[in-house]
Amino acid sequence: MTLSLLWEEYRSAHPDGYGCSRFCDLYRRWAGRLTPVMRQYHVAGERVFVDYAGTTLPVIDGDTGEVRQAQLFVAAPGALSLTLCRGELEPESV
């Protein structure tokens, strides 16, 4: 979500509301007062955090040119500076 998209959503709900520059100024002032923190205490290597991208990505076979869809998963082991990505091709339809 970008600030511009957020303003567009706001403006569609409030047609006579703030213009983009004023909205962005007020938003940044409001966001500056937040202190978002998500501390999670655990032993290194004890947990892994996984996220699923939700949409599929096209994967093209370099030899045949066949296009198949893949699902993307991203994992970050807790307390380590690593990010792992894995694509899983969807099963071919019969």
PDB file of N, CA and C in Angstrom:
ATOM      1  N   MET A   1       0.851  -1.159   0.000  1.00  0.00           N
ATOM      2  CA  MET A   1       0.000   0.000   0.000  1.00  0.00           C
ATOM      3  C   MET A   1       0.902   1.228   0.000  1.00  0.00           C
ATOM      4  N   THR A   2       0.702   2.094  -0.956  1.00  0.00           N
ATOM      5  CA  THR A   2       1.465   3.337  -0.988  1.00  0.00           C
ATOM      6  C   THR A   2       0.611   4.448  -0.404  1.00  0.00           C
ATOM      7  N   LEU A   3       1.247   5.535  -0.036  1.00  0.00           N
ATOM      8  CA  LEU A   3       0.525   6.674   0.509  1.00  0.00           C
ATOM      9  C   LEU A   3      -0.424   7.259  -0.536  1.00  0.00           C
ATOM     10  N   SER A   4       0.001   7.218  -1.787  1.00  0.00           N
ATOM     11  CA  SER A   4      -0.848   7.709  -2.876  1.00  0.00           C
ATOM     12  C   SER A   4      -2.121   6.868  -3.013  1.00  0.00           C
ATOM     13  N   LEU A   5      -1.979   5.542  -2.937  1.00  0.00           N
ATOM     14  CA  LEU A   5      -3.156   4.672  -3.002  1.00  0.00           C
ATOM     15  C   LEU A   5      -4.060   4.878  -1.793  1.00  0.00           C
ATOM     16  N   LEU A   6      -3.453   5.083  -0.628  1.00  0.00           N
ATOM     17  CA  LEU A   6      -4.224   5.337   0.580  1.00  0.00           C
ATOM     18  C   LEU A   6      -5.044   6.609   0.428  1.00  0.00           C
ATOM     19  N   TRP A   7      -4.440   7.640  -0.143  1.00  0.00           N
ATOM     20  CA  TRP A   7      -5.160   8.885  -0.365  1.00  0.00           C
ATOM     21  C   TRP A   7      -6.305   8.674  -1.368  1.00  0.00           C
ATOM     22  N   GLU A   8      -6.047   7.892  -2.423  1.00  0.00           N
ATOM     23  CA  GLU A   8      -7.103   7.630  -3.411  1.00  0.00           C
ATOM     24  C   GLU A   8      -8.289   6.923  -2.767  1.00  0.00           C
ATOM     25  N   GLU A   9      -8.023   5.977  -1.883  1.00  0.00           N
ATOM     26  CA  GLU A   9      -9.113   5.303  -1.162  1.00  0.00           C
ATOM     27  C   GLU A   9      -9.862   6.290  -0.279  1.00  0.00           C
ATOM     28  N   TYR A  10      -9.102   7.120   0.431  1.00  0.00           N
ATOM     29  CA  TYR A  10      -9.704   8.136   1.289  1.00  0.00           C
ATOM     30  C   TYR A  10     -10.576   9.073   0.460  1.00  0.00           C
ATOM     31  N   ARG A  11     -10.043   9.514  -0.679  1.00  0.00           N
ATOM     32  CA  ARG A  11     -10.759  10.486  -1.511  1.00  0.00           C
ATOM     33  C   ARG A  11     -12.029   9.889  -2.114  1.00  0.00           C
ATOM     34  N   SER A  12     -12.007   8.591  -2.445  1.00  0.00           N
ATOM     35  CA  SER A  12     -13.221   7.968  -2.982  1.00  0.00           C
ATOM     36  C   SER A  12     -14.305   7.889  -1.911  1.00  0.00           C
ATOM     37  N   ALA A  13     -13.907   7.749  -0.655  1.00  0.00           N
ATOM     38  CA  ALA A  13     -14.876   7.723   0.441  1.00  0.00           C
ATOM     39  C   ALA A  13     -15.274   9.125   0.891  1.00  0.00           C
ATOM     40  N   HIS A  14     -14.398  10.118   0.689  1.00  0.00           N
ATOM     41  CA  HIS A  14     -14.645  11.505   1.099  1.00  0.00           C
ATOM     42  C   HIS A  14     -14.311  12.434  -0.067  1.00  0.00           C
ATOM     43  N   PRO A  15     -15.194  12.541  -1.065  1.00  0.00           N
ATOM     44  CA  PRO A  15     -14.894  13.340  -2.268  1.00  0.00           C
ATOM     45  C   PRO A  15     -14.523  14.798  -1.989  1.00  0.00           C
ATOM     46  N   ASP A  16     -15.054  15.370  -0.905  1.00  0.00           N
ATOM     47  CA  ASP A  16     -14.747  16.762  -0.578  1.00  0.00           C
ATOM     48  C   ASP A  16     -13.662  16.860   0.490  1.00  0.00           C
ATOM     49  N   GLY A  17     -12.924  15.773   0.710  1.00  0.00           N
ATOM     50  CA  GLY A  17     -11.915  15.736   1.764  1.00  0.00           C
ATOM     51  C   GLY A  17     -10.628  16.434   1.364  1.00  0.00           C
ATOM     52  N   TYR A  18      -9.581  16.140   2.129  1.00  0.00           N
ATOM     53  CA  TYR A  18      -8.281  16.772   1.924  1.00  0.00           C
ATOM     54  C   TYR A  18      -7.706  16.449   0.551  1.00  0.00           C
ATOM     55  N   GLY A  19      -6.925  17.397   0.027  1.00  0.00           N
ATOM     56  CA  GLY A  19      -6.164  17.145  -1.185  1.00  0.00           C
ATOM     57  C   GLY A  19      -4.990  16.239  -0.852  1.00  0.00           C
ATOM     58  N   CYS A  20      -4.309  15.766  -1.867  1.00  0.00           N
ATOM     59  CA  CYS A  20      -3.237  14.784  -1.679  1.00  0.00           C
ATOM     60  C   CYS A  20      -2.111  15.307  -0.787  1.00  0.00           C
ATOM     61  N   SER A  21      -1.631  16.517  -1.033  1.00  0.00           N
ATOM     62  CA  SER A  21      -0.480  17.015  -0.251  1.00  0.00           C
ATOM     63  C   SER A  21      -0.843  17.218   1.210  1.00  0.00           C
ATOM     64  N   ARG A  22      -2.037  17.739   1.487  1.00  0.00           N
ATOM     65  CA  ARG A  22      -2.464  17.937   2.879  1.00  0.00           C
ATOM     66  C   ARG A  22      -2.680  16.602   3.571  1.00  0.00           C
ATOM     67  N   PHE A  23      -3.316  15.661   2.867  1.00  0.00           N
ATOM     68  CA  PHE A  23      -3.547  14.329   3.417  1.00  0.00           C
ATOM     69  C   PHE A  23      -2.215  13.673   3.782  1.00  0.00           C
ATOM     70  N   CYS A  24      -1.248  13.737   2.862  1.00  0.00           N
ATOM     71  CA  CYS A  24       0.068  13.124   3.103  1.00  0.00           C
ATOM     72  C   CYS A  24       0.778  13.783   4.281  1.00  0.00           C
ATOM     73  N   ASP A  25       0.674  15.106   4.381  1.00  0.00           N
ATOM     74  CA  ASP A  25       1.288  15.821   5.498  1.00  0.00           C
ATOM     75  C   ASP A  25       0.680  15.369   6.822  1.00  0.00           C
ATOM     76  N   LEU A  26      -0.652  15.306   6.888  1.00  0.00           N
ATOM     77  CA  LEU A  26      -1.317  14.870   8.116  1.00  0.00           C
ATOM     78  C   LEU A  26      -1.003  13.413   8.438  1.00  0.00           C
ATOM     79  N   TYR A  27      -0.947  12.582   7.416  1.00  0.00           N
ATOM     80  CA  TYR A  27      -0.628  11.172   7.637  1.00  0.00           C
ATOM     81  C   TYR A  27       0.783  11.016   8.199  1.00  0.00           C
ATOM     82  N   ARG A  28       1.741  11.700   7.597  1.00  0.00           N
ATOM     83  CA  ARG A  28       3.126  11.589   8.076  1.00  0.00           C
ATOM     84  C   ARG A  28       3.261  12.110   9.506  1.00  0.00           C
ATOM     85  N   ARG A  29       2.535  13.172   9.827  1.00  0.00           N
ATOM     86  CA  ARG A  29       2.570  13.707  11.191  1.00  0.00           C
ATOM     87  C   ARG A  29       1.997  12.675  12.168  1.00  0.00           C
ATOM     88  N   TRP A  30       0.875  12.043  11.767  1.00  0.00           N
ATOM     89  CA  TRP A  30       0.255  11.015  12.603  1.00  0.00           C
ATOM     90  C   TRP A  30       1.184   9.802  12.731  1.00  0.00           C
ATOM     91  N   ALA A  31       1.751   9.328  11.629  1.00  0.00           N
ATOM     92  CA  ALA A  31       2.618   8.150  11.640  1.00  0.00           C
ATOM     93  C   ALA A  31       3.889   8.397  12.451  1.00  0.00           C
ATOM     94  N   GLY A  32       4.347   9.646  12.512  1.00  0.00           N
ATOM     95  CA  GLY A  32       5.534   9.987  13.285  1.00  0.00           C
ATOM     96  C   GLY A  32       5.347   9.806  14.776  1.00  0.00           C
ATOM     97  N   ARG A  33       4.098   9.782  15.232  1.00  0.00           N
ATOM     98  CA  ARG A  33       3.828   9.589  16.656  1.00  0.00           C
ATOM     99  C   ARG A  33       3.749   8.118  17.039  1.00  0.00           C
ATOM    100  N   LEU A  34       3.729   7.226  16.060  1.00  0.00           N
ATOM    101  CA  LEU A  34       3.634   5.799  16.344  1.00  0.00           C
ATOM    102  C   LEU A  34       4.984   5.232  16.735  1.00  0.00           C
ATOM    103  N   THR A  35       4.965   4.212  17.541  1.00  0.00           N
ATOM    104  CA  THR A  35       6.189   3.501  17.898  1.00  0.00           C
ATOM    105  C   THR A  35       5.962   2.006  17.663  1.00  0.00           C
ATOM    106  N   PRO A  36       5.887   1.596  16.402  1.00  0.00           N
ATOM    107  CA  PRO A  36       5.614   0.183  16.125  1.00  0.00           C
ATOM    108  C   PRO A  36       6.814  -0.697  16.462  1.00  0.00           C
ATOM    109  N   VAL A  37       6.595  -1.641  17.344  1.00  0.00           N
ATOM    110  CA  VAL A  37       7.651  -2.560  17.748  1.00  0.00           C
ATOM    111  C   VAL A  37       7.033  -3.952  17.853  1.00  0.00           C
ATOM    112  N   MET A  38       7.730  -4.932  17.326  1.00  0.00           N
ATOM    113  CA  MET A  38       7.254  -6.307  17.443  1.00  0.00           C
ATOM    114  C   MET A  38       8.418  -7.164  17.917  1.00  0.00           C
ATOM    115  N   ARG A  39       8.723  -7.047  19.189  1.00  0.00           N
ATOM    116  CA  ARG A  39       9.824  -7.823  19.730  1.00  0.00           C
ATOM    117  C   ARG A  39       9.374  -9.258  19.954  1.00  0.00           C
ATOM    118  N   GLN A  40      10.183 -10.176  19.497  1.00  0.00           N
ATOM    119  CA  GLN A  40       9.905 -11.592  19.710  1.00  0.00           C
ATOM    120  C   GLN A  40      11.184 -12.222  20.243  1.00  0.00           C
ATOM    121  N   TYR A  41      11.115 -12.723  21.438  1.00  0.00           N
ATOM    122  CA  TYR A  41      12.291 -13.310  22.073  1.00  0.00           C
ATOM    123  C   TYR A  41      12.254 -14.829  21.891  1.00  0.00           C
ATOM    124  N   HIS A  42      13.317 -15.385  21.324  1.00  0.00           N
ATOM    125  CA  HIS A  42      13.427 -16.823  21.132  1.00  0.00           C
ATOM    126  C   HIS A  42      14.889 -17.172  20.857  1.00  0.00           C
ATOM    127  N   VAL A  43      15.198 -18.426  21.027  1.00  0.00           N
ATOM    128  CA  VAL A  43      16.546 -18.922  20.786  1.00  0.00           C
ATOM    129  C   VAL A  43      16.798 -18.937  19.278  1.00  0.00           C
ATOM    130  N   ALA A  44      18.012 -18.547  18.864  1.00  0.00           N
ATOM    131  CA  ALA A  44      18.363 -18.545  17.445  1.00  0.00           C
ATOM    132  C   ALA A  44      18.146 -19.927  16.846  1.00  0.00           C
ATOM    133  N   GLY A  45      17.487 -19.974  15.704  1.00  0.00           N
ATOM    134  CA  GLY A  45      17.221 -21.229  15.019  1.00  0.00           C
ATOM    135  C   GLY A  45      16.014 -21.980  15.535  1.00  0.00           C
ATOM    136  N   GLU A  46      15.374 -21.452  16.583  1.00  0.00           N
ATOM    137  CA  GLU A  46      14.219 -22.130  17.168  1.00  0.00           C
ATOM    138  C   GLU A  46      12.969 -21.972  16.321  1.00  0.00           C
ATOM    139  N   ARG A  47      12.841 -20.841  15.632  1.00  0.00           N
ATOM    140  CA  ARG A  47      11.640 -20.551  14.853  1.00  0.00           C
ATOM    141  C   ARG A  47      12.009 -20.071  13.464  1.00  0.00           C
ATOM    142  N   VAL A  48      11.073 -20.281  12.553  1.00  0.00           N
ATOM    143  CA  VAL A  48      11.225 -19.734  11.211  1.00  0.00           C
ATOM    144  C   VAL A  48       9.898 -19.069  10.860  1.00  0.00           C
ATOM    145  N   PHE A  49       9.977 -17.920  10.242  1.00  0.00           N
ATOM    146  CA  PHE A  49       8.787 -17.153   9.895  1.00  0.00           C
ATOM    147  C   PHE A  49       8.570 -17.263   8.394  1.00  0.00           C
ATOM    148  N   VAL A  50       7.406 -17.756   8.006  1.00  0.00           N
ATOM    149  CA  VAL A  50       7.115 -18.033   6.604  1.00  0.00           C
ATOM    150  C   VAL A  50       5.936 -17.175   6.154  1.00  0.00           C
ATOM    151  N   ASP A  51       6.025 -16.676   4.936  1.00  0.00           N
ATOM    152  CA  ASP A  51       4.934 -15.906   4.360  1.00  0.00           C
ATOM    153  C   ASP A  51       4.667 -16.439   2.960  1.00  0.00           C
ATOM    154  N   TYR A  52       3.419 -16.419   2.571  1.00  0.00           N
ATOM    155  CA  TYR A  52       2.980 -16.871   1.255  1.00  0.00           C
ATOM    156  C   TYR A  52       2.564 -15.646   0.466  1.00  0.00           C
ATOM    157  N   ALA A  53       3.093 -15.497  -0.746  1.00  0.00           N
ATOM    158  CA  ALA A  53       2.839 -14.296  -1.542  1.00  0.00           C
ATOM    159  C   ALA A  53       1.367 -14.159  -1.947  1.00  0.00           C
ATOM    160  N   GLY A  54       0.644 -15.268  -2.056  1.00  0.00           N
ATOM    161  CA  GLY A  54      -0.779 -15.186  -2.353  1.00  0.00           C
ATOM    162  C   GLY A  54      -1.121 -15.313  -3.827  1.00  0.00           C
ATOM    163  N   THR A  55      -0.384 -14.655  -4.681  1.00  0.00           N
ATOM    164  CA  THR A  55      -0.651 -14.758  -6.106  1.00  0.00           C
ATOM    165  C   THR A  55       0.428 -15.608  -6.757  1.00  0.00           C
ATOM    166  N   THR A  56       0.120 -16.135  -7.927  1.00  0.00           N
ATOM    167  CA  THR A  56       1.103 -16.955  -8.610  1.00  0.00           C
ATOM    168  C   THR A  56       1.949 -16.099  -9.541  1.00  0.00           C
ATOM    169  N   LEU A  57       3.121 -16.629  -9.888  1.00  0.00           N
ATOM    170  CA  LEU A  57       4.048 -15.946 -10.783  1.00  0.00           C
ATOM    171  C   LEU A  57       4.287 -16.817 -12.005  1.00  0.00           C
ATOM    172  N   PRO A  58       4.392 -16.225 -13.189  1.00  0.00           N
ATOM    173  CA  PRO A  58       4.671 -17.046 -14.369  1.00  0.00           C
ATOM    174  C   PRO A  58       6.140 -17.468 -14.392  1.00  0.00           C
ATOM    175  N   VAL A  59       6.383 -18.739 -14.708  1.00  0.00           N
ATOM    176  CA  VAL A  59       7.734 -19.281 -14.862  1.00  0.00           C
ATOM    177  C   VAL A  59       7.815 -19.845 -16.275  1.00  0.00           C
ATOM    178  N   ILE A  60       8.802 -19.381 -17.028  1.00  0.00           N
ATOM    179  CA  ILE A  60       8.930 -19.796 -18.423  1.00  0.00           C
ATOM    180  C   ILE A  60      10.083 -20.782 -18.560  1.00  0.00           C
ATOM    181  N   ASP A  61       9.787 -21.940 -19.141  1.00  0.00           N
ATOM    182  CA  ASP A  61      10.815 -22.944 -19.412  1.00  0.00           C
ATOM    183  C   ASP A  61      11.676 -22.425 -20.561  1.00  0.00           C
ATOM    184  N   GLY A  62      12.988 -22.258 -20.302  1.00  0.00           N
ATOM    185  CA  GLY A  62      13.895 -21.697 -21.303  1.00  0.00           C
ATOM    186  C   GLY A  62      14.038 -22.549 -22.553  1.00  0.00           C
ATOM    187  N   ASP A  63      13.822 -23.859 -22.431  1.00  0.00           N
ATOM    188  CA  ASP A  63      13.966 -24.752 -23.587  1.00  0.00           C
ATOM    189  C   ASP A  63      12.700 -24.823 -24.436  1.00  0.00           C
ATOM    190  N   THR A  64      11.560 -24.965 -23.771  1.00  0.00           N
ATOM    191  CA  THR A  64      10.305 -25.185 -24.515  1.00  0.00           C
ATOM    192  C   THR A  64       9.463 -23.926 -24.664  1.00  0.00           C
ATOM    193  N   GLY A  65       9.704 -22.922 -23.812  1.00  0.00           N
ATOM    194  CA  GLY A  65       8.878 -21.713 -23.841  1.00  0.00           C
ATOM    195  C   GLY A  65       7.559 -21.888 -23.108  1.00  0.00           C
ATOM    196  N   GLU A  66       7.366 -23.075 -22.515  1.00  0.00           N
ATOM    197  CA  GLU A  66       6.125 -23.344 -21.777  1.00  0.00           C
ATOM    198  C   GLU A  66       6.042 -22.423 -20.558  1.00  0.00           C
ATOM    199  N   VAL A  67       4.870 -21.860 -20.327  1.00  0.00           N
ATOM    200  CA  VAL A  67       4.643 -20.979 -19.182  1.00  0.00           C
ATOM    201  C   VAL A  67       3.812 -21.744 -18.154  1.00  0.00           C
ATOM    202  N   ARG A  68       4.345 -21.834 -16.943  1.00  0.00           N
ATOM    203  CA  ARG A  68       3.606 -22.452 -15.837  1.00  0.00           C
ATOM    204  C   ARG A  68       3.561 -21.461 -14.691  1.00  0.00           C
ATOM    205  N   GLN A  69       2.603 -21.638 -13.827  1.00  0.00           N
ATOM    206  CA  GLN A  69       2.442 -20.747 -12.677  1.00  0.00           C
ATOM    207  C   GLN A  69       3.142 -21.351 -11.462  1.00  0.00           C
ATOM    208  N   ALA A  70       3.766 -20.489 -10.664  1.00  0.00           N
ATOM    209  CA  ALA A  70       4.443 -20.929  -9.439  1.00  0.00           C
ATOM    210  C   ALA A  70       3.935 -20.107  -8.268  1.00  0.00           C
ATOM    211  N   GLN A  71       3.869 -20.740  -7.107  1.00  0.00           N
ATOM    212  CA  GLN A  71       3.510 -20.047  -5.878  1.00  0.00           C
ATOM    213  C   GLN A  71       4.806 -19.717  -5.151  1.00  0.00           C
ATOM    214  N   LEU A  72       4.874 -18.535  -4.551  1.00  0.00           N
ATOM    215  CA  LEU A  72       6.110 -18.083  -3.918  1.00  0.00           C
ATOM    216  C   LEU A  72       5.960 -18.070  -2.399  1.00  0.00           C
ATOM    217  N   PHE A  73       6.939 -18.681  -1.733  1.00  0.00           N
ATOM    218  CA  PHE A  73       7.010 -18.683  -0.277  1.00  0.00           C
ATOM    219  C   PHE A  73       8.323 -18.029   0.137  1.00  0.00           C
ATOM    220  N   VAL A  74       8.290 -17.225   1.185  1.00  0.00           N
ATOM    221  CA  VAL A  74       9.491 -16.575   1.705  1.00  0.00           C
ATOM    222  C   VAL A  74       9.605 -16.947   3.181  1.00  0.00           C
ATOM    223  N   ALA A  75      10.812 -17.341   3.587  1.00  0.00           N
ATOM    224  CA  ALA A  75      11.040 -17.730   4.983  1.00  0.00           C
ATOM    225  C   ALA A  75      12.240 -16.973   5.534  1.00  0.00           C
ATOM    226  N   ALA A  76      12.138 -16.587   6.790  1.00  0.00           N
ATOM    227  CA  ALA A  76      13.243 -15.922   7.476  1.00  0.00           C
ATOM    228  C   ALA A  76      13.443 -16.609   8.819  1.00  0.00           C
ATOM    229  N   PRO A  77      14.558 -17.325   8.985  1.00  0.00           N
ATOM    230  CA  PRO A  77      14.826 -17.949  10.283  1.00  0.00           C
ATOM    231  C   PRO A  77      14.993 -16.874  11.355  1.00  0.00           C
ATOM    232  N   GLY A  78      14.355 -17.078  12.500  1.00  0.00           N
ATOM    233  CA  GLY A  78      14.442 -16.114  13.584  1.00  0.00           C
ATOM    234  C   GLY A  78      15.867 -15.913  14.064  1.00  0.00           C
ATOM    235  N   ALA A  79      16.235 -14.677  14.349  1.00  0.00           N
ATOM    236  CA  ALA A  79      17.531 -14.292  14.900  1.00  0.00           C
ATOM    237  C   ALA A  79      18.702 -14.557  13.959  1.00  0.00           C
ATOM    238  N   LEU A  80      18.455 -14.769  12.685  1.00  0.00           N
ATOM    239  CA  LEU A  80      19.527 -14.934  11.708  1.00  0.00           C
ATOM    240  C   LEU A  80      19.333 -13.915  10.598  1.00  0.00           C
ATOM    241  N   SER A  81      20.398 -13.559   9.942  1.00  0.00           N
ATOM    242  CA  SER A  81      20.311 -12.583   8.855  1.00  0.00           C
ATOM    243  C   SER A  81      20.176 -13.284   7.506  1.00  0.00           C
ATOM    244  N   LEU A  82      19.228 -14.190   7.414  1.00  0.00           N
ATOM    245  CA  LEU A  82      19.012 -14.934   6.179  1.00  0.00           C
ATOM    246  C   LEU A  82      17.572 -14.783   5.720  1.00  0.00           C
ATOM    247  N   THR A  83      17.366 -14.793   4.423  1.00  0.00           N
ATOM    248  CA  THR A  83      16.027 -14.851   3.849  1.00  0.00           C
ATOM    249  C   THR A  83      16.049 -15.936   2.790  1.00  0.00           C
ATOM    250  N   LEU A  84      15.112 -16.836   2.861  1.00  0.00           N
ATOM    251  CA  LEU A  84      15.043 -17.941   1.921  1.00  0.00           C
ATOM    252  C   LEU A  84      13.778 -17.813   1.092  1.00  0.00           C
ATOM    253  N   CYS A  85      13.879 -18.027  -0.208  1.00  0.00           N
ATOM    254  CA  CYS A  85      12.715 -17.982  -1.089  1.00  0.00           C
ATOM    255  C   CYS A  85      12.611 -19.312  -1.810  1.00  0.00           C
ATOM    256  N   ARG A  86      11.392 -19.757  -2.013  1.00  0.00           N
ATOM    257  CA  ARG A  86      11.189 -21.004  -2.742  1.00  0.00           C
ATOM    258  C   ARG A  86       9.935 -20.875  -3.589  1.00  0.00           C
ATOM    259  N   GLY A  87      10.058 -21.229  -4.830  1.00  0.00           N
ATOM    260  CA  GLY A  87       8.912 -21.258  -5.732  1.00  0.00           C
ATOM    261  C   GLY A  87       8.447 -22.684  -5.920  1.00  0.00           C
ATOM    262  N   GLU A  88       7.165 -22.909  -5.861  1.00  0.00           N
ATOM    263  CA  GLU A  88       6.578 -24.233  -6.069  1.00  0.00           C
ATOM    264  C   GLU A  88       5.689 -24.160  -7.296  1.00  0.00           C
ATOM    265  N   LEU A  89       6.019 -24.939  -8.328  1.00  0.00           N
ATOM    266  CA  LEU A  89       5.179 -24.971  -9.514  1.00  0.00           C
ATOM    267  C   LEU A  89       3.873 -25.653  -9.189  1.00  0.00           C
ATOM    268  N   GLU A  90       2.786 -25.089  -9.720  1.00  0.00           N
ATOM    269  CA  GLU A  90       1.490 -25.725  -9.547  1.00  0.00           C
ATOM    270  C   GLU A  90       1.473 -26.994 -10.386  1.00  0.00           C
ATOM    271  N   PRO A  91       0.743 -28.017  -9.942  1.00  0.00           N
ATOM    272  CA  PRO A  91       0.659 -29.246 -10.729  1.00  0.00           C
ATOM    273  C   PRO A  91       0.069 -28.963 -12.109  1.00  0.00           C
ATOM    274  N   GLU A  92       0.575 -29.675 -13.109  1.00  0.00           N
ATOM    275  CA  GLU A  92       0.045 -29.493 -14.445  1.00  0.00           C
ATOM    276  C   GLU A  92      -1.376 -30.000 -14.512  1.00  0.00           C
ATOM    277  N   SER A  93      -2.251 -29.271 -15.205  1.00  0.00           N
ATOM    278  CA  SER A  93      -3.626 -29.725 -15.325  1.00  0.00           C
ATOM    279  C   SER A  93      -3.698 -30.874 -16.311  1.00  0.00           C
ATOM    280  N   VAL A  94      -4.610 -31.758 -16.051  1.00  0.00           N
ATOM    281  CA  VAL A  94      -4.745 -32.959 -16.871  1.00  0.00           C
ATOM    282  C   VAL A  94      -5.745 -32.734 -17.970  1.00  0.00           C
TER     283      VAL A  94
END
